[in-house]
Structures are given as structure tokens and as C-alpha cells.
Protein backbone atom coordinates (compact mmCIF):
# COMPACT_ATOMS: atom_id res chain seq x y z
CA UNK A 1 -29.69 -17.68 -1.84
CA UNK A 2 -29.03 -13.97 -2.42
CA UNK A 3 -25.51 -12.52 -2.51
CA UNK A 4 -26.16 -10.73 0.77
CA UNK A 5 -27.38 -13.94 2.46
CA UNK A 6 -24.35 -15.86 1.19
CA UNK A 7 -22.01 -13.14 2.51
CA UNK A 8 -23.75 -13.00 5.91
CA UNK A 9 -23.39 -16.77 6.22
CA UNK A 10 -19.72 -16.81 5.07
CA UNK A 11 -18.71 -13.94 7.37
CA UNK A 12 -20.82 -15.00 10.36
CA UNK A 13 -22.52 -11.56 10.16
CA UNK A 14 -19.26 -9.63 10.69
CA UNK A 15 -17.28 -7.20 8.54
CA UNK A 16 -14.83 -9.44 6.69
CA UNK A 17 -11.99 -6.97 7.27
CA UNK A 18 -12.41 -5.54 10.79
CA UNK A 19 -15.04 -7.89 12.31
CA UNK A 20 -17.48 -5.05 13.15
CA UNK A 21 -21.09 -6.22 13.46
CA UNK A 22 -22.97 -2.96 12.69
CA UNK A 23 -24.06 -1.43 9.34
CA UNK A 24 -22.93 -4.30 7.12
CA UNK A 25 -23.43 -4.24 3.34
CA UNK A 26 -22.14 -6.23 0.37
CA UNK A 27 -19.22 -4.59 -1.42
CA UNK A 28 -18.44 -5.81 -4.97
CA UNK A 29 -14.63 -5.79 -5.28
CA UNK A 30 -13.66 -3.85 -8.43
CA UNK A 31 -13.28 -4.69 -11.19
CA UNK A 32 -16.09 -7.17 -10.46
CA UNK A 33 -17.78 -8.54 -13.56
CA UNK A 34 -20.73 -9.93 -11.63
CA UNK A 35 -22.47 -9.20 -8.35
CA UNK A 36 -21.68 -12.59 -6.79
CA UNK A 37 -20.56 -13.61 -3.31
CA UNK A 38 -17.23 -14.79 -4.80
CA UNK A 39 -16.48 -11.27 -6.09
CA UNK A 40 -17.84 -9.39 -3.07
CA UNK A 41 -17.30 -9.05 0.62
CA UNK A 42 -19.37 -7.90 3.56
CA UNK A 43 -18.11 -4.56 4.87
CA UNK A 44 -19.01 -2.15 7.65
CA UNK A 45 -19.52 1.54 6.81
CA UNK A 46 -16.10 2.49 8.25
CA UNK A 47 -14.13 0.10 6.03
CA UNK A 48 -16.22 0.95 2.94
CA UNK A 49 -15.81 4.72 3.42
CA UNK A 50 -12.03 4.47 3.83
CA UNK A 51 -11.65 2.16 0.83
CA UNK A 52 -13.68 4.48 -1.39
CA UNK A 53 -12.20 7.76 -0.06
CA UNK A 54 -8.40 7.36 0.37
CA UNK A 55 -8.10 10.81 1.95
CA UNK A 56 -10.20 9.57 4.92
CA UNK A 57 -7.95 6.57 5.58
CA UNK A 58 -7.06 6.04 9.25
CA UNK A 59 -3.97 3.78 9.24
CA UNK A 60 -4.67 2.48 12.77
CA UNK A 61 -8.11 1.18 11.74
CA UNK A 62 -6.39 -1.08 9.21
CA UNK A 63 -4.34 -2.93 11.83
CA UNK A 64 -7.32 -5.32 11.62
CA UNK A 65 -5.70 -6.62 8.39
CA UNK A 66 -3.16 -8.38 10.60
CA UNK A 67 -5.90 -11.00 11.09
CA UNK A 68 -8.18 -10.70 8.07
CA UNK A 69 -5.38 -10.89 5.46
CA UNK A 70 -5.11 -14.62 6.29
CA UNK A 71 -8.67 -15.26 5.06
CA UNK A 72 -9.05 -18.04 2.48
CA UNK A 73 -11.58 -15.87 0.57
CA UNK A 74 -9.91 -14.34 -2.54
CA UNK A 75 -12.06 -11.16 -2.39
CA UNK A 76 -10.87 -10.52 1.19
CA UNK A 77 -7.23 -11.17 0.17
CA UNK A 78 -7.56 -8.71 -2.73
CA UNK A 79 -8.89 -5.85 -0.59
CA UNK A 80 -6.34 -6.58 2.18
CA UNK A 81 -3.51 -6.45 -0.40
CA UNK A 82 -4.79 -3.16 -1.86
CA UNK A 83 -5.11 -1.49 1.55
CA UNK A 84 -1.69 -2.70 2.71
CA UNK A 85 -0.22 -1.39 -0.56
CA UNK A 86 -1.94 1.98 -0.07
CA UNK A 87 -0.62 2.23 3.51
CA UNK A 88 2.85 0.75 2.91
CA UNK A 89 4.60 4.06 3.70
CA UNK A 90 3.46 3.63 7.34
CA UNK A 91 6.02 0.84 7.82
CA UNK A 92 4.01 -1.93 9.51
CA UNK A 93 1.72 -2.52 6.46
CA UNK A 94 4.80 -3.21 4.30
CA UNK A 95 5.82 -5.96 6.75
CA UNK A 96 2.37 -7.56 6.44
CA UNK A 97 2.44 -7.15 2.65
CA UNK A 98 5.78 -8.98 2.55
CA UNK A 99 4.13 -11.94 4.35
CA UNK A 100 0.93 -11.98 2.27
CA UNK A 101 0.91 -14.60 -0.47
CA UNK A 102 -1.61 -14.35 -3.31
CA UNK A 103 -1.84 -16.91 -6.10
CA UNK A 104 -1.37 -15.55 -9.64
CA UNK A 105 -5.04 -14.98 -10.49
CA UNK A 106 -5.79 -13.32 -7.14
CA UNK A 107 -2.73 -11.05 -7.46
CA UNK A 108 -3.78 -10.10 -11.02
CA UNK A 109 -7.24 -9.19 -9.66
CA UNK A 110 -5.69 -7.14 -6.83
CA UNK A 111 -3.42 -5.23 -9.23
CA UNK A 112 -6.18 -4.70 -11.81
CA UNK A 113 -8.30 -2.74 -9.37
CA UNK A 114 -5.63 -0.91 -7.40
CA UNK A 115 -5.76 2.87 -7.67
CA UNK A 116 -2.91 3.15 -10.14
CA UNK A 117 -3.31 -0.06 -12.08
CA UNK A 118 0.41 -0.77 -11.80
CA UNK A 119 1.00 0.07 -8.16
CA UNK A 120 3.16 3.14 -8.79
CA UNK A 121 0.82 5.57 -7.11
CA UNK A 122 -0.65 3.45 -4.31
CA UNK A 123 1.46 5.35 -1.76
CA UNK A 124 3.31 8.59 -2.43
CA UNK A 125 7.07 8.91 -1.97
CA UNK A 126 7.56 11.40 0.89
CA UNK A 127 10.77 13.00 2.20
CA UNK A 128 11.70 13.27 5.89
CA UNK A 129 9.39 16.30 6.27
CA UNK A 130 6.42 14.70 4.50
CA UNK A 131 6.91 16.61 1.21
CA UNK A 132 5.86 14.62 -1.85
CA UNK A 133 8.77 13.54 -4.05
CA UNK A 134 8.48 13.32 -7.85
CA UNK A 135 10.80 11.78 -10.41
CA UNK A 136 13.41 14.34 -11.48
CA UNK A 137 13.42 16.23 -8.15
CA UNK A 138 16.61 17.28 -6.39
CA UNK A 139 17.00 16.15 -2.77
CA UNK A 140 19.59 16.74 -0.05
CA UNK A 141 20.83 13.97 2.24
CA UNK A 142 19.97 14.60 5.91
CA UNK A 143 22.47 12.09 7.31
CA UNK A 144 25.77 10.43 6.35
CA UNK A 145 24.94 7.17 4.55
CA UNK A 146 27.33 4.24 4.18
CA UNK A 147 26.88 2.94 0.64
CA UNK A 148 27.01 -0.85 0.73
CA UNK A 149 29.20 -2.42 -1.93
CA UNK A 150 30.64 0.90 -3.13
CA UNK A 151 33.04 1.57 -0.22
CA UNK A 152 32.18 5.22 0.32
CA UNK A 153 29.99 7.34 2.56
CA UNK A 154 27.46 9.72 1.00
CA UNK A 155 27.87 12.81 3.20
CA UNK A 156 25.06 14.74 4.84
CA UNK A 157 24.18 17.82 2.76
CA UNK A 158 25.03 16.13 -0.56
CA UNK A 159 22.59 17.18 -3.31
CA UNK A 160 21.19 14.33 -5.38
CA UNK A 161 19.76 15.63 -8.69
CA UNK A 162 17.27 13.97 -11.01
CA UNK A 163 16.06 11.25 -8.65
CA UNK A 164 13.88 8.38 -9.83
CA UNK A 165 11.20 6.73 -7.69
CA UNK A 166 11.30 3.01 -6.84
CA UNK A 167 7.88 2.00 -8.19
CA UNK A 168 6.99 -0.79 -5.78
CA UNK A 169 8.44 0.80 -2.62
CA UNK A 170 7.41 4.32 -1.55
CA UNK A 171 10.22 4.31 1.05
CA UNK A 172 12.98 4.27 -1.58
CA UNK A 173 14.31 6.48 -4.35
CA UNK A 174 17.32 6.13 -6.66
CA UNK A 175 19.90 8.77 -7.45
CA UNK A 176 23.51 9.29 -8.49
CA UNK A 177 26.10 10.04 -5.77
CA UNK A 178 29.87 10.10 -6.54
CA UNK A 179 29.09 8.75 -10.01
CA UNK A 180 27.29 5.70 -8.58
CA UNK A 181 23.57 5.01 -8.97
CA UNK A 182 22.35 4.13 -5.45
CA UNK A 183 19.09 3.38 -3.65
CA UNK A 184 18.33 5.89 -0.87
CA UNK A 185 15.68 5.65 1.84
CA UNK A 186 13.26 8.58 1.60
CA UNK A 187 13.45 9.10 5.38
CA UNK A 188 17.04 10.35 4.93
CA UNK A 189 16.38 12.98 2.24
CA UNK A 190 14.88 16.46 2.14
CA UNK A 191 13.35 17.88 -1.03
CA UNK A 192 15.28 20.92 -2.31
CA UNK A 193 13.56 24.19 -3.20
């Protein structure tokens, strides 16, 4: 049985991510060492295009992962994990990612082929205006923030210099306020000059 036949049978002739039934083709999940059904999935043109061209990603299309991430097929789990990671700044994908469990070998496969290798770049850190944040930037707080465990409030307008990015969470940065190193949500900061 060919890879394509095996995939058609396994998926019941539907895209294994969004369940579309048109324009289906095998997609070897990188880094695939062989062109086998175990290392491939059946995808529609829409899913394939958005996986291969991140700039064309439509976050709402990927709400289909709410169902397909529960697949028992490791290749489907890997691609679901990668797309949720890429979209985690949207909010809802991070919730799904928190629920998704991958065994060690499947997680290693997912991380090996993700865009950055280590997950740092899968989603950019963006400030409240959508400006991309980089390590070392200076940001200004846009709201008073109660700092848990430190018994002080970081006041709106406070400049935080030399920030560092939280690698596995694009919604968080770290910076020093009142001599304390704290974690700050990116939605409450504005990049300075």
C-alpha cells in the first residue's frame, strides 16, 4: 500500500488537521527521515500553505486544532503542537498548548522541526501596540502593576531598561523595577523610542 493510500485510509479521506475533503496531499512532517505514513499526514492546500508560509497564517483557521490535537497519530500531534506554539500570542492557542500532552519522543520530534529549533522564535514578543520587542529594549509600563510577593506597585510610566524575553512564553518579559527582577506581561508595556 502506498503512503498516500495509507494516509487516505487512516484519515477517512479528510485533512487530518481541519477535516477538509478537497485538494488533499501527503505532507512529510519535517524533519522526516523517510516518506512513510507514520512520518506524514494528509493535508488540504489551506493547511499546507499556512504551515509552509507563516506570514499567511490565519489564526481563526487553526481553531480546528481544538479537535485534531487529540489525535492518537504522532505526526498530527507534532504539527498541532508546532502551530499552537506559533500562534500562542493569540491567547487561545496557549490554553490548548497547556492541555496538549506529547510523550518524550513526540515532543523531541515537534521541537526538532519547529521554526527556531528551541522554540524561542515561534511567536514574537509584542508590546501593547504590536511593536516587536527584543532583548535589551527599554519599555514603559502602561498600567500600575501590583508585584506579587514583593509588596510594591510598579507605577504606570515607569521605564524598564534592558528587558529579557521569556523564551517559552511570548506574552511575558522580565525586567528590573525598584531593584527587583520581575516578570511583566507584554500587554502592559510599550516599547520606548
